[in-house]
Amino acid sequence: MTDKKEDKSTWAIGGGVLLGIGVGFFFLQASALAFVGSILAGLGIGLVITAIISSRSNINP
């Protein structure tokens, strides 16, 4: 049996994109660029959260 700790910090990227798509659907009728912008914002938030989670997991192994 191996004690392998799985890193689930990358899930934040997918979650951020899904959140961006969900928010973007509200803006889709107003502007397609707002839809794309919300997807990119969700991706950016997911990447920031992933970086924070990864840095904290490296501090406390």
Protein backbone atom coordinates (compact mmCIF):
# COMPACT_ATOMS: atom_id res chain seq x y z
CA MET A 1 0.00 0.00 0.00
CA THR A 2 1.41 3.37 -0.94
CA ASP A 3 0.70 6.62 0.84
CA LYS A 4 0.40 8.82 -2.19
CA LYS A 5 -1.17 12.20 -1.50
CA GLU A 6 -3.04 13.36 -4.56
CA ASP A 7 -2.72 17.01 -5.47
CA LYS A 8 -6.19 18.31 -6.25
CA SER A 9 -5.13 21.92 -6.65
CA THR A 10 -5.59 21.65 -10.41
CA TRP A 11 -9.30 21.17 -9.83
CA ALA A 12 -9.44 24.88 -9.07
CA ILE A 13 -8.69 25.66 -12.72
CA GLY A 14 -11.61 23.60 -14.00
CA GLY A 15 -13.87 24.95 -11.28
CA GLY A 16 -12.94 28.52 -12.17
CA VAL A 17 -13.67 27.93 -15.85
CA LEU A 18 -17.04 26.36 -15.04
CA LEU A 19 -17.84 29.27 -12.76
CA GLY A 20 -16.85 31.68 -15.53
CA ILE A 21 -19.12 29.90 -18.01
CA GLY A 22 -22.01 29.99 -15.55
CA VAL A 23 -21.59 33.70 -14.93
CA GLY A 24 -21.01 34.30 -18.64
CA PHE A 25 -24.40 32.88 -19.56
CA PHE A 26 -26.01 35.82 -17.78
CA PHE A 27 -24.04 38.24 -19.96
CA LEU A 28 -24.41 36.29 -23.20
CA GLN A 29 -27.50 38.12 -24.42
CA ALA A 30 -25.90 41.49 -23.75
CA SER A 31 -22.47 40.87 -25.23
CA ALA A 32 -20.50 37.89 -26.51
CA LEU A 33 -17.28 39.57 -25.43
CA ALA A 34 -18.56 39.71 -21.84
CA PHE A 35 -19.15 35.96 -22.06
CA VAL A 36 -15.59 35.32 -23.22
CA GLY A 37 -14.26 37.77 -20.64
CA SER A 38 -16.02 35.97 -17.81
CA ILE A 39 -14.57 32.65 -18.96
CA LEU A 40 -11.08 34.17 -18.98
CA ALA A 41 -11.67 35.73 -15.56
CA GLY A 42 -12.75 32.36 -14.19
CA LEU A 43 -9.63 30.78 -15.65
CA GLY A 44 -7.47 33.47 -14.07
CA ILE A 45 -9.10 33.01 -10.67
CA GLY A 46 -8.61 29.25 -10.92
CA LEU A 47 -4.93 29.70 -11.76
CA VAL A 48 -4.41 32.04 -8.80
CA ILE A 49 -6.14 29.62 -6.43
CA THR A 50 -4.03 26.76 -7.81
CA ALA A 51 -0.84 28.72 -7.20
CA ILE A 52 -1.88 29.49 -3.63
CA ILE A 53 -2.81 25.87 -2.89
CA SER A 54 0.42 24.56 -4.44
CA SER A 55 2.60 26.97 -2.49
CA ARG A 56 0.92 26.06 0.80
CA SER A 57 1.28 22.34 0.16
CA ASN A 58 5.02 22.78 -0.52
CA ILE A 59 5.50 24.59 2.79
CA ASN A 60 3.93 21.80 4.87
CA PRO A 61 4.91 18.45 3.28
